[in-house]
Amino acid sequence: PQNIKFQEAVFYAETQATYLYYGGQNDTEITYRIRPNYRNASAATVIEDEKLQEYKMTVHDTEVSITEYRIQDTDVNRWSIIWTYQEVQYMLNLTDMTQTETEKIVETLRFVK
C-alpha cells in the first residue's frame, strides 16, 4: 500500500522473535512477525475479533493461511497471514486493507531456497 512507512523494529533475544511495525494513513497498519518454529514452545496469539473468512493460498510452493477479522466494535477489518518456511514461522497482520490489497502483498512474498 502507498503511504506506509516503517515505524519500529523490536527484537526479543530470549525468543529470537523479531517484530517490524509499519503505519500509514487512518487505521492502516502492517506488523511483520518472524520467529523460530520451536517444537516445545508456543507464542500464542489470542484473537477475540469476529472471523469473517479463512482460506489458503500457495505462493512459490509455500502454503500461506489467510484469515480476515472484523475488529471488535469497529468497521475496520484485519488480516492475519501465517506461513512457515524452513522451520521459521512468519506472520503478517494487516489492518484496514481490502482483500485485493492483502492478496497482492501475499503474492509478492519471496522465499530463498
PDB file of N, CA and C in Angstrom:
ATOM      1  N   PRO A   1       0.818  -1.196   0.000  1.00  0.00           N
ATOM      2  CA  PRO A   1       0.000   0.000   0.000  1.00  0.00           C
ATOM      3  C   PRO A   1       0.865   1.265   0.000  1.00  0.00           C
ATOM      4  N   GLN A   2       0.356   2.297  -0.587  1.00  0.00           N
ATOM      5  CA  GLN A   2       1.078   3.556  -0.610  1.00  0.00           C
ATOM      6  C   GLN A   2       0.985   4.248   0.744  1.00  0.00           C
ATOM      7  N   ASN A   3       1.938   5.115   1.003  1.00  0.00           N
ATOM      8  CA  ASN A   3       1.968   5.916   2.228  1.00  0.00           C
ATOM      9  C   ASN A   3       2.146   5.098   3.499  1.00  0.00           C
ATOM     10  N   ILE A   4       2.676   3.902   3.393  1.00  0.00           N
ATOM     11  CA  ILE A   4       3.013   3.094   4.568  1.00  0.00           C
ATOM     12  C   ILE A   4       4.486   3.343   4.857  1.00  0.00           C
ATOM     13  N   LYS A   5       4.798   3.649   6.123  1.00  0.00           N
ATOM     14  CA  LYS A   5       6.175   3.945   6.492  1.00  0.00           C
ATOM     15  C   LYS A   5       6.608   3.081   7.663  1.00  0.00           C
ATOM     16  N   PHE A   6       7.873   2.711   7.641  1.00  0.00           N
ATOM     17  CA  PHE A   6       8.449   1.953   8.739  1.00  0.00           C
ATOM     18  C   PHE A   6       8.373   2.785  10.015  1.00  0.00           C
ATOM     19  N   GLN A   7       7.980   2.129  11.136  1.00  0.00           N
ATOM     20  CA  GLN A   7       7.886   2.825  12.412  1.00  0.00           C
ATOM     21  C   GLN A   7       8.873   2.306  13.443  1.00  0.00           C
ATOM     22  N   GLU A   8       8.983   0.968  13.552  1.00  0.00           N
ATOM     23  CA  GLU A   8       9.793   0.432  14.634  1.00  0.00           C
ATOM     24  C   GLU A   8      10.133  -1.029  14.374  1.00  0.00           C
ATOM     25  N   ALA A   9      11.312  -1.447  14.848  1.00  0.00           N
ATOM     26  CA  ALA A   9      11.706  -2.858  14.843  1.00  0.00           C
ATOM     27  C   ALA A   9      12.022  -3.251  16.280  1.00  0.00           C
ATOM     28  N   VAL A  10      11.539  -4.424  16.684  1.00  0.00           N
ATOM     29  CA  VAL A  10      11.795  -4.923  18.034  1.00  0.00           C
ATOM     30  C   VAL A  10      12.310  -6.344  17.917  1.00  0.00           C
ATOM     31  N   PHE A  11      13.433  -6.642  18.590  1.00  0.00           N
ATOM     32  CA  PHE A  11      13.998  -7.983  18.604  1.00  0.00           C
ATOM     33  C   PHE A  11      14.000  -8.489  20.034  1.00  0.00           C
ATOM     34  N   TYR A  12      13.453  -9.678  20.250  1.00  0.00           N
ATOM     35  CA  TYR A  12      13.422 -10.306  21.564  1.00  0.00           C
ATOM     36  C   TYR A  12      14.460 -11.428  21.583  1.00  0.00           C
ATOM     37  N   ALA A  13      15.587 -11.176  22.207  1.00  0.00           N
ATOM     38  CA  ALA A  13      16.704 -12.124  22.199  1.00  0.00           C
ATOM     39  C   ALA A  13      16.318 -13.470  22.813  1.00  0.00           C
ATOM     40  N   GLU A  14      15.534 -13.449  23.904  1.00  0.00           N
ATOM     41  CA  GLU A  14      15.213 -14.702  24.594  1.00  0.00           C
ATOM     42  C   GLU A  14      14.376 -15.645  23.746  1.00  0.00           C
ATOM     43  N   THR A  15      13.547 -15.110  22.855  1.00  0.00           N
ATOM     44  CA  THR A  15      12.727 -15.963  21.987  1.00  0.00           C
ATOM     45  C   THR A  15      13.178 -15.906  20.527  1.00  0.00           C
ATOM     46  N   GLN A  16      14.158 -15.091  20.229  1.00  0.00           N
ATOM     47  CA  GLN A  16      14.664 -14.888  18.871  1.00  0.00           C
ATOM     48  C   GLN A  16      13.560 -14.440  17.924  1.00  0.00           C
ATOM     49  N   ALA A  17      12.607 -13.687  18.450  1.00  0.00           N
ATOM     50  CA  ALA A  17      11.500 -13.179  17.632  1.00  0.00           C
ATOM     51  C   ALA A  17      11.787 -11.737  17.240  1.00  0.00           C
ATOM     52  N   THR A  18      11.382 -11.395  16.030  1.00  0.00           N
ATOM     53  CA  THR A  18      11.538 -10.041  15.520  1.00  0.00           C
ATOM     54  C   THR A  18      10.176  -9.524  15.071  1.00  0.00           C
ATOM     55  N   TYR A  19       9.883  -8.291  15.424  1.00  0.00           N
ATOM     56  CA  TYR A  19       8.636  -7.640  15.019  1.00  0.00           C
ATOM     57  C   TYR A  19       8.987  -6.354  14.280  1.00  0.00           C
ATOM     58  N   LEU A  20       8.411  -6.159  13.113  1.00  0.00           N
ATOM     59  CA  LEU A  20       8.588  -4.943  12.329  1.00  0.00           C
ATOM     60  C   LEU A  20       7.228  -4.268  12.222  1.00  0.00           C
ATOM     61  N   TYR A  21       7.176  -2.988  12.544  1.00  0.00           N
ATOM     62  CA  TYR A  21       5.917  -2.256  12.551  1.00  0.00           C
ATOM     63  C   TYR A  21       5.945  -1.153  11.490  1.00  0.00           C
ATOM     64  N   TYR A  22       4.863  -1.089  10.706  1.00  0.00           N
ATOM     65  CA  TYR A  22       4.696  -0.074   9.675  1.00  0.00           C
ATOM     66  C   TYR A  22       3.329   0.572   9.877  1.00  0.00           C
ATOM     67  N   GLY A  23       3.203   1.853   9.540  1.00  0.00           N
ATOM     68  CA  GLY A  23       1.919   2.527   9.671  1.00  0.00           C
ATOM     69  C   GLY A  23       1.707   3.508   8.540  1.00  0.00           C
ATOM     70  N   GLY A  24       0.444   3.887   8.378  1.00  0.00           N
ATOM     71  CA  GLY A  24       0.094   4.813   7.311  1.00  0.00           C
ATOM     72  C   GLY A  24      -1.080   5.672   7.695  1.00  0.00           C
ATOM     73  N   GLN A  25      -1.815   6.069   6.699  1.00  0.00           N
ATOM     74  CA  GLN A  25      -2.971   6.928   6.920  1.00  0.00           C
ATOM     75  C   GLN A  25      -4.072   6.160   7.637  1.00  0.00           C
ATOM     76  N   ASN A  26      -4.888   6.911   8.359  1.00  0.00           N
ATOM     77  CA  ASN A  26      -6.058   6.355   9.039  1.00  0.00           C
ATOM     78  C   ASN A  26      -5.661   5.184   9.923  1.00  0.00           C
ATOM     79  N   ASP A  27      -6.298   4.029   9.740  1.00  0.00           N
ATOM     80  CA  ASP A  27      -6.042   2.857  10.581  1.00  0.00           C
ATOM     81  C   ASP A  27      -5.126   1.834   9.908  1.00  0.00           C
ATOM     82  N   THR A  28      -4.528   2.191   8.774  1.00  0.00           N
ATOM     83  CA  THR A  28      -3.717   1.231   8.035  1.00  0.00           C
ATOM     84  C   THR A  28      -2.434   0.918   8.790  1.00  0.00           C
ATOM     85  N   GLU A  29      -2.220  -0.385   9.064  1.00  0.00           N
ATOM     86  CA  GLU A  29      -1.017  -0.840   9.764  1.00  0.00           C
ATOM     87  C   GLU A  29      -0.568  -2.180   9.199  1.00  0.00           C
ATOM     88  N   ILE A  30       0.747  -2.415   9.276  1.00  0.00           N
ATOM     89  CA  ILE A  30       1.305  -3.713   8.937  1.00  0.00           C
ATOM     90  C   ILE A  30       2.251  -4.104  10.069  1.00  0.00           C
ATOM     91  N   THR A  31       2.081  -5.297  10.593  1.00  0.00           N
ATOM     92  CA  THR A  31       3.008  -5.855  11.576  1.00  0.00           C
ATOM     93  C   THR A  31       3.551  -7.144  10.985  1.00  0.00           C
ATOM     94  N   TYR A  32       4.878  -7.271  10.946  1.00  0.00           N
ATOM     95  CA  TYR A  32       5.536  -8.439  10.372  1.00  0.00           C
ATOM     96  C   TYR A  32       6.288  -9.128  11.493  1.00  0.00           C
ATOM     97  N   ARG A  33       5.894 -10.367  11.807  1.00  0.00           N
ATOM     98  CA  ARG A  33       6.495 -11.113  12.917  1.00  0.00           C
ATOM     99  C   ARG A  33       7.266 -12.304  12.372  1.00  0.00           C
ATOM    100  N   ILE A  34       8.476 -12.487  12.854  1.00  0.00           N
ATOM    101  CA  ILE A  34       9.323 -13.605  12.447  1.00  0.00           C
ATOM    102  C   ILE A  34       9.824 -14.280  13.717  1.00  0.00           C
ATOM    103  N   ARG A  35       9.653 -15.599  13.802  1.00  0.00           N
ATOM    104  CA  ARG A  35      10.172 -16.297  14.983  1.00  0.00           C
ATOM    105  C   ARG A  35      10.501 -17.740  14.633  1.00  0.00           C
ATOM    106  N   PRO A  36      11.506 -18.313  15.320  1.00  0.00           N
ATOM    107  CA  PRO A  36      11.802 -19.732  15.097  1.00  0.00           C
ATOM    108  C   PRO A  36      10.592 -20.574  15.459  1.00  0.00           C
ATOM    109  N   ASN A  37      10.418 -21.671  14.757  1.00  0.00           N
ATOM    110  CA  ASN A  37       9.285 -22.555  14.980  1.00  0.00           C
ATOM    111  C   ASN A  37       9.698 -23.649  15.959  1.00  0.00           C
ATOM    112  N   TYR A  38       9.786 -23.284  17.253  1.00  0.00           N
ATOM    113  CA  TYR A  38      10.177 -24.251  18.272  1.00  0.00           C
ATOM    114  C   TYR A  38       9.085 -25.279  18.472  1.00  0.00           C
ATOM    115  N   ARG A  39       9.485 -26.533  18.606  1.00  0.00           N
ATOM    116  CA  ARG A  39       8.513 -27.589  18.783  1.00  0.00           C
ATOM    117  C   ARG A  39       8.004 -27.678  20.223  1.00  0.00           C
ATOM    118  N   ASN A  40       8.807 -27.225  21.195  1.00  0.00           N
ATOM    119  CA  ASN A  40       8.438 -27.346  22.603  1.00  0.00           C
ATOM    120  C   ASN A  40       7.989 -26.027  23.222  1.00  0.00           C
ATOM    121  N   ALA A  41       7.669 -25.047  22.399  1.00  0.00           N
ATOM    122  CA  ALA A  41       7.248 -23.747  22.913  1.00  0.00           C
ATOM    123  C   ALA A  41       6.110 -23.228  22.050  1.00  0.00           C
ATOM    124  N   SER A  42       5.441 -22.227  22.583  1.00  0.00           N
ATOM    125  CA  SER A  42       4.379 -21.625  21.789  1.00  0.00           C
ATOM    126  C   SER A  42       4.421 -20.114  21.954  1.00  0.00           C
ATOM    127  N   ALA A  43       3.912 -19.448  20.952  1.00  0.00           N
ATOM    128  CA  ALA A  43       3.753 -17.997  21.002  1.00  0.00           C
ATOM    129  C   ALA A  43       2.306 -17.733  20.625  1.00  0.00           C
ATOM    130  N   ALA A  44       1.435 -17.996  21.563  1.00  0.00           N
ATOM    131  CA  ALA A  44       0.006 -17.908  21.284  1.00  0.00           C
ATOM    132  C   ALA A  44      -0.413 -16.475  21.020  1.00  0.00           C
ATOM    133  N   THR A  45      -1.319 -16.339  20.079  1.00  0.00           N
ATOM    134  CA  THR A  45      -1.922 -15.058  19.783  1.00  0.00           C
ATOM    135  C   THR A  45      -3.412 -15.213  19.994  1.00  0.00           C
ATOM    136  N   VAL A  46      -3.952 -14.503  20.975  1.00  0.00           N
ATOM    137  CA  VAL A  46      -5.370 -14.595  21.266  1.00  0.00           C
ATOM    138  C   VAL A  46      -6.095 -13.546  20.428  1.00  0.00           C
ATOM    139  N   ILE A  47      -7.054 -14.014  19.637  1.00  0.00           N
ATOM    140  CA  ILE A  47      -7.805 -13.117  18.766  1.00  0.00           C
ATOM    141  C   ILE A  47      -9.269 -13.208  19.148  1.00  0.00           C
ATOM    142  N   GLU A  48      -9.833 -12.092  19.592  1.00  0.00           N
ATOM    143  CA  GLU A  48     -11.230 -12.073  20.009  1.00  0.00           C
ATOM    144  C   GLU A  48     -12.129 -11.399  18.987  1.00  0.00           C
ATOM    145  N   ASP A  49     -11.567 -10.943  17.882  1.00  0.00           N
ATOM    146  CA  ASP A  49     -12.358 -10.294  16.849  1.00  0.00           C
ATOM    147  C   ASP A  49     -13.159 -11.333  16.060  1.00  0.00           C
ATOM    148  N   GLU A  50     -14.212 -10.879  15.404  1.00  0.00           N
ATOM    149  CA  GLU A  50     -15.069 -11.765  14.616  1.00  0.00           C
ATOM    150  C   GLU A  50     -14.329 -12.241  13.360  1.00  0.00           C
ATOM    151  N   LYS A  51     -14.279 -13.550  13.172  1.00  0.00           N
ATOM    152  CA  LYS A  51     -13.653 -14.117  11.977  1.00  0.00           C
ATOM    153  C   LYS A  51     -14.647 -14.048  10.828  1.00  0.00           C
ATOM    154  N   LEU A  52     -14.236 -13.411   9.728  1.00  0.00           N
ATOM    155  CA  LEU A  52     -15.111 -13.261   8.571  1.00  0.00           C
ATOM    156  C   LEU A  52     -14.862 -14.329   7.517  1.00  0.00           C
ATOM    157  N   GLN A  53     -13.603 -14.670   7.307  1.00  0.00           N
ATOM    158  CA  GLN A  53     -13.276 -15.716   6.329  1.00  0.00           C
ATOM    159  C   GLN A  53     -11.868 -16.232   6.586  1.00  0.00           C
ATOM    160  N   GLU A  54     -11.631 -17.450   6.090  1.00  0.00           N
ATOM    161  CA  GLU A  54     -10.322 -18.083   6.242  1.00  0.00           C
ATOM    162  C   GLU A  54     -10.080 -18.942   5.012  1.00  0.00           C
ATOM    163  N   TYR A  55      -8.882 -18.833   4.433  1.00  0.00           N
ATOM    164  CA  TYR A  55      -8.556 -19.639   3.261  1.00  0.00           C
ATOM    165  C   TYR A  55      -7.042 -19.733   3.119  1.00  0.00           C
ATOM    166  N   LYS A  56      -6.599 -20.530   2.160  1.00  0.00           N
ATOM    167  CA  LYS A  56      -5.168 -20.736   1.924  1.00  0.00           C
ATOM    168  C   LYS A  56      -4.817 -20.359   0.496  1.00  0.00           C
ATOM    169  N   MET A  57      -3.597 -19.872   0.331  1.00  0.00           N
ATOM    170  CA  MET A  57      -3.028 -19.593  -0.990  1.00  0.00           C
ATOM    171  C   MET A  57      -1.669 -20.284  -1.041  1.00  0.00           C
ATOM    172  N   THR A  58      -1.266 -20.684  -2.221  1.00  0.00           N
ATOM    173  CA  THR A  58       0.077 -21.227  -2.401  1.00  0.00           C
ATOM    174  C   THR A  58       0.904 -20.193  -3.148  1.00  0.00           C
ATOM    175  N   VAL A  59       2.028 -19.823  -2.545  1.00  0.00           N
ATOM    176  CA  VAL A  59       2.930 -18.834  -3.124  1.00  0.00           C
ATOM    177  C   VAL A  59       4.301 -19.488  -3.230  1.00  0.00           C
ATOM    178  N   HIS A  60       4.769 -19.671  -4.460  1.00  0.00           N
ATOM    179  CA  HIS A  60       6.087 -20.286  -4.694  1.00  0.00           C
ATOM    180  C   HIS A  60       6.252 -21.577  -3.879  1.00  0.00           C
ATOM    181  N   ASP A  61       5.297 -22.476  -3.985  1.00  0.00           N
ATOM    182  CA  ASP A  61       5.304 -23.784  -3.326  1.00  0.00           C
ATOM    183  C   ASP A  61       5.208 -23.727  -1.801  1.00  0.00           C
ATOM    184  N   THR A  62       4.827 -22.599  -1.242  1.00  0.00           N
ATOM    185  CA  THR A  62       4.658 -22.470   0.210  1.00  0.00           C
ATOM    186  C   THR A  62       3.205 -22.127   0.497  1.00  0.00           C
ATOM    187  N   GLU A  63       2.587 -22.912   1.400  1.00  0.00           N
ATOM    188  CA  GLU A  63       1.188 -22.674   1.748  1.00  0.00           C
ATOM    189  C   GLU A  63       1.086 -21.523   2.751  1.00  0.00           C
ATOM    190  N   VAL A  64       0.207 -20.581   2.449  1.00  0.00           N
ATOM    191  CA  VAL A  64       0.004 -19.394   3.270  1.00  0.00           C
ATOM    192  C   VAL A  64      -1.451 -19.386   3.749  1.00  0.00           C
ATOM    193  N   SER A  65      -1.658 -19.280   5.058  1.00  0.00           N
ATOM    194  CA  SER A  65      -3.009 -19.215   5.627  1.00  0.00           C
ATOM    195  C   SER A  65      -3.402 -17.754   5.788  1.00  0.00           C
ATOM    196  N   ILE A  66      -4.604 -17.424   5.327  1.00  0.00           N
ATOM    197  CA  ILE A  66      -5.094 -16.049   5.364  1.00  0.00           C
ATOM    198  C   ILE A  66      -6.431 -16.033   6.094  1.00  0.00           C
ATOM    199  N   THR A  67      -6.548 -15.160   7.098  1.00  0.00           N
ATOM    200  CA  THR A  67      -7.795 -15.032   7.846  1.00  0.00           C
ATOM    201  C   THR A  67      -8.150 -13.555   7.939  1.00  0.00           C
ATOM    202  N   GLU A  68      -9.425 -13.258   7.657  1.00  0.00           N
ATOM    203  CA  GLU A  68      -9.921 -11.890   7.787  1.00  0.00           C
ATOM    204  C   GLU A  68     -10.776 -11.790   9.044  1.00  0.00           C
ATOM    205  N   TYR A  69     -10.576 -10.737   9.820  1.00  0.00           N
ATOM    206  CA  TYR A  69     -11.332 -10.472  11.040  1.00  0.00           C
ATOM    207  C   TYR A  69     -11.951  -9.073  10.961  1.00  0.00           C
ATOM    208  N   ARG A  70     -13.012  -8.876  11.683  1.00  0.00           N
ATOM    209  CA  ARG A  70     -13.587  -7.545  11.903  1.00  0.00           C
ATOM    210  C   ARG A  70     -13.177  -7.153  13.317  1.00  0.00           C
ATOM    211  N   ILE A  71     -12.469  -6.033  13.446  1.00  0.00           N
ATOM    212  CA  ILE A  71     -12.013  -5.584  14.760  1.00  0.00           C
ATOM    213  C   ILE A  71     -13.228  -5.219  15.608  1.00  0.00           C
ATOM    214  N   GLN A  72     -13.236  -5.750  16.802  1.00  0.00           N
ATOM    215  CA  GLN A  72     -14.378  -5.617  17.705  1.00  0.00           C
ATOM    216  C   GLN A  72     -14.789  -4.151  17.878  1.00  0.00           C
ATOM    217  N   ASP A  73     -16.083  -3.901  17.794  1.00  0.00           N
ATOM    218  CA  ASP A  73     -16.689  -2.581  17.991  1.00  0.00           C
ATOM    219  C   ASP A  73     -16.250  -1.533  16.972  1.00  0.00           C
ATOM    220  N   THR A  74     -15.818  -1.960  15.769  1.00  0.00           N
ATOM    221  CA  THR A  74     -15.423  -1.029  14.705  1.00  0.00           C
ATOM    222  C   THR A  74     -15.915  -1.558  13.371  1.00  0.00           C
ATOM    223  N   ASP A  75     -15.709  -0.776  12.326  1.00  0.00           N
ATOM    224  CA  ASP A  75     -15.964  -1.232  10.962  1.00  0.00           C
ATOM    225  C   ASP A  75     -14.654  -1.532  10.247  1.00  0.00           C
ATOM    226  N   VAL A  76     -13.580  -1.688  10.987  1.00  0.00           N
ATOM    227  CA  VAL A  76     -12.244  -1.900  10.421  1.00  0.00           C
ATOM    228  C   VAL A  76     -11.951  -3.394  10.365  1.00  0.00           C
ATOM    229  N   ASN A  77     -11.388  -3.834   9.226  1.00  0.00           N
ATOM    230  CA  ASN A  77     -11.017  -5.245   9.114  1.00  0.00           C
ATOM    231  C   ASN A  77      -9.525  -5.416   9.363  1.00  0.00           C
ATOM    232  N   ARG A  78      -9.151  -6.643   9.694  1.00  0.00           N
ATOM    233  CA  ARG A  78      -7.755  -7.002   9.937  1.00  0.00           C
ATOM    234  C   ARG A  78      -7.508  -8.355   9.294  1.00  0.00           C
ATOM    235  N   TRP A  79      -6.357  -8.487   8.681  1.00  0.00           N
ATOM    236  CA  TRP A  79      -5.976  -9.739   8.031  1.00  0.00           C
ATOM    237  C   TRP A  79      -4.798 -10.347   8.771  1.00  0.00           C
ATOM    238  N   SER A  80      -4.834 -11.652   8.987  1.00  0.00           N
ATOM    239  CA  SER A  80      -3.732 -12.389   9.581  1.00  0.00           C
ATOM    240  C   SER A  80      -3.221 -13.362   8.522  1.00  0.00           C
ATOM    241  N   ILE A  81      -1.950 -13.241   8.165  1.00  0.00           N
ATOM    242  CA  ILE A  81      -1.334 -14.101   7.152  1.00  0.00           C
ATOM    243  C   ILE A  81      -0.194 -14.854   7.841  1.00  0.00           C
ATOM    244  N   ILE A  82      -0.249 -16.186   7.806  1.00  0.00           N
ATOM    245  CA  ILE A  82       0.737 -17.005   8.523  1.00  0.00           C
ATOM    246  C   ILE A  82       1.295 -18.061   7.586  1.00  0.00           C
ATOM    247  N   TRP A  83       2.621 -18.264   7.648  1.00  0.00           N
ATOM    248  CA  TRP A  83       3.243 -19.352   6.919  1.00  0.00           C
ATOM    249  C   TRP A  83       4.516 -19.758   7.638  1.00  0.00           C
ATOM    250  N   THR A  84       4.960 -20.980   7.373  1.00  0.00           N
ATOM    251  CA  THR A  84       6.212 -21.491   7.920  1.00  0.00           C
ATOM    252  C   THR A  84       7.123 -21.826   6.758  1.00  0.00           C
ATOM    253  N   TYR A  85       8.358 -21.377   6.875  1.00  0.00           N
ATOM    254  CA  TYR A  85       9.340 -21.628   5.815  1.00  0.00           C
ATOM    255  C   TYR A  85      10.667 -21.939   6.470  1.00  0.00           C
ATOM    256  N   GLN A  86      11.228 -23.100   6.160  1.00  0.00           N
ATOM    257  CA  GLN A  86      12.500 -23.574   6.721  1.00  0.00           C
ATOM    258  C   GLN A  86      12.514 -23.457   8.247  1.00  0.00           C
ATOM    259  N   GLU A  87      11.456 -23.973   8.883  1.00  0.00           N
ATOM    260  CA  GLU A  87      11.308 -24.049  10.332  1.00  0.00           C
ATOM    261  C   GLU A  87      11.255 -22.697  11.031  1.00  0.00           C
ATOM    262  N   VAL A  88      10.906 -21.664  10.303  1.00  0.00           N
ATOM    263  CA  VAL A  88      10.686 -20.338  10.880  1.00  0.00           C
ATOM    264  C   VAL A  88       9.250 -19.943  10.562  1.00  0.00           C
ATOM    265  N   GLN A  89       8.535 -19.475  11.584  1.00  0.00           N
ATOM    266  CA  GLN A  89       7.152 -19.051  11.371  1.00  0.00           C
ATOM    267  C   GLN A  89       7.124 -17.545  11.105  1.00  0.00           C
ATOM    268  N   TYR A  90       6.358 -17.175  10.106  1.00  0.00           N
ATOM    269  CA  TYR A  90       6.197 -15.773   9.729  1.00  0.00           C
ATOM    270  C   TYR A  90       4.732 -15.411   9.883  1.00  0.00           C
ATOM    271  N   MET A  91       4.483 -14.181  10.304  1.00  0.00           N
ATOM    272  CA  MET A  91       3.109 -13.721  10.437  1.00  0.00           C
ATOM    273  C   MET A  91       3.037 -12.256  10.036  1.00  0.00           C
ATOM    274  N   LEU A  92       2.096 -11.962   9.173  1.00  0.00           N
ATOM    275  CA  LEU A  92       1.807 -10.582   8.787  1.00  0.00           C
ATOM    276  C   LEU A  92       0.427 -10.245   9.308  1.00  0.00           C
ATOM    277  N   ASN A  93       0.281  -9.105   9.945  1.00  0.00           N
ATOM    278  CA  ASN A  93      -1.032  -8.588  10.320  1.00  0.00           C
ATOM    279  C   ASN A  93      -1.232  -7.296   9.557  1.00  0.00           C
ATOM    280  N   LEU A  94      -2.309  -7.226   8.816  1.00  0.00           N
ATOM    281  CA  LEU A  94      -2.627  -6.049   8.013  1.00  0.00           C
ATOM    282  C   LEU A  94      -3.941  -5.481   8.514  1.00  0.00           C
ATOM    283  N   THR A  95      -3.995  -4.190   8.735  1.00  0.00           N
ATOM    284  CA  THR A  95      -5.200  -3.554   9.243  1.00  0.00           C
ATOM    285  C   THR A  95      -5.733  -2.559   8.228  1.00  0.00           C
ATOM    286  N   ASP A  96      -7.038  -2.584   8.031  1.00  0.00           N
ATOM    287  CA  ASP A  96      -7.758  -1.641   7.175  1.00  0.00           C
ATOM    288  C   ASP A  96      -7.313  -1.743   5.714  1.00  0.00           C
ATOM    289  N   MET A  97      -7.271  -2.969   5.200  1.00  0.00           N
ATOM    290  CA  MET A  97      -6.932  -3.206   3.799  1.00  0.00           C
ATOM    291  C   MET A  97      -8.004  -4.085   3.167  1.00  0.00           C
ATOM    292  N   THR A  98      -8.125  -3.999   1.865  1.00  0.00           N
ATOM    293  CA  THR A  98      -9.084  -4.828   1.144  1.00  0.00           C
ATOM    294  C   THR A  98      -8.492  -6.214   0.908  1.00  0.00           C
ATOM    295  N   GLN A  99      -9.334  -7.139   0.483  1.00  0.00           N
ATOM    296  CA  GLN A  99      -8.855  -8.474   0.153  1.00  0.00           C
ATOM    297  C   GLN A  99      -7.892  -8.398  -1.030  1.00  0.00           C
ATOM    298  N   THR A 100      -8.174  -7.562  -2.007  1.00  0.00           N
ATOM    299  CA  THR A 100      -7.289  -7.414  -3.167  1.00  0.00           C
ATOM    300  C   THR A 100      -5.919  -6.899  -2.747  1.00  0.00           C
ATOM    301  N   GLU A 101      -5.878  -5.877  -1.881  1.00  0.00           N
ATOM    302  CA  GLU A 101      -4.600  -5.352  -1.397  1.00  0.00           C
ATOM    303  C   GLU A 101      -3.832  -6.417  -0.615  1.00  0.00           C
ATOM    304  N   THR A 102      -4.560  -7.152   0.218  1.00  0.00           N
ATOM    305  CA  THR A 102      -3.937  -8.202   1.029  1.00  0.00           C
ATOM    306  C   THR A 102      -3.326  -9.281   0.139  1.00  0.00           C
ATOM    307  N   GLU A 103      -4.076  -9.766  -0.829  1.00  0.00           N
ATOM    308  CA  GLU A 103      -3.570 -10.820  -1.702  1.00  0.00           C
ATOM    309  C   GLU A 103      -2.404 -10.324  -2.565  1.00  0.00           C
ATOM    310  N   LYS A 104      -2.420  -9.064  -2.934  1.00  0.00           N
ATOM    311  CA  LYS A 104      -1.302  -8.501  -3.701  1.00  0.00           C
ATOM    312  C   LYS A 104      -0.017  -8.539  -2.869  1.00  0.00           C
ATOM    313  N   ILE A 105      -0.127  -8.213  -1.575  1.00  0.00           N
ATOM    314  CA  ILE A 105       1.026  -8.295  -0.679  1.00  0.00           C
ATOM    315  C   ILE A 105       1.490  -9.743  -0.546  1.00  0.00           C
ATOM    316  N   VAL A 106       0.553 -10.668  -0.358  1.00  0.00           N
ATOM    317  CA  VAL A 106       0.904 -12.092  -0.219  1.00  0.00           C
ATOM    318  C   VAL A 106       1.615 -12.593  -1.476  1.00  0.00           C
ATOM    319  N   GLU A 107       1.140 -12.189  -2.628  1.00  0.00           N
ATOM    320  CA  GLU A 107       1.745 -12.638  -3.892  1.00  0.00           C
ATOM    321  C   GLU A 107       3.164 -12.111  -4.095  1.00  0.00           C
ATOM    322  N   THR A 108       3.546 -11.067  -3.375  1.00  0.00           N
ATOM    323  CA  THR A 108       4.916 -10.529  -3.505  1.00  0.00           C
ATOM    324  C   THR A 108       5.917 -11.235  -2.606  1.00  0.00           C
ATOM    325  N   LEU A 109       5.450 -12.140  -1.730  1.00  0.00           N
ATOM    326  CA  LEU A 109       6.366 -12.841  -0.844  1.00  0.00           C
ATOM    327  C   LEU A 109       7.365 -13.663  -1.643  1.00  0.00           C
ATOM    328  N   ARG A 110       8.608 -13.628  -1.232  1.00  0.00           N
ATOM    329  CA  ARG A 110       9.672 -14.394  -1.884  1.00  0.00           C
ATOM    330  C   ARG A 110      10.366 -15.258  -0.847  1.00  0.00           C
ATOM    331  N   PHE A 111      10.650 -16.482  -1.223  1.00  0.00           N
ATOM    332  CA  PHE A 111      11.282 -17.438  -0.329  1.00  0.00           C
ATOM    333  C   PHE A 111      12.612 -17.878  -0.921  1.00  0.00           C
ATOM    334  N   VAL A 112      13.690 -17.635  -0.195  1.00  0.00           N
ATOM    335  CA  VAL A 112      15.023 -18.004  -0.668  1.00  0.00           C
ATOM    336  C   VAL A 112      15.226 -19.489  -0.454  1.00  0.00           C
ATOM    337  N   LYS A 113      15.676 -20.183  -1.473  1.00  0.00           N
ATOM    338  CA  LYS A 113      15.906 -21.642  -1.365  1.00  0.00           C
ATOM    339  C   LYS A 113      17.320 -21.925  -0.914  1.00  0.00           C
TER     340      LYS A 113
END
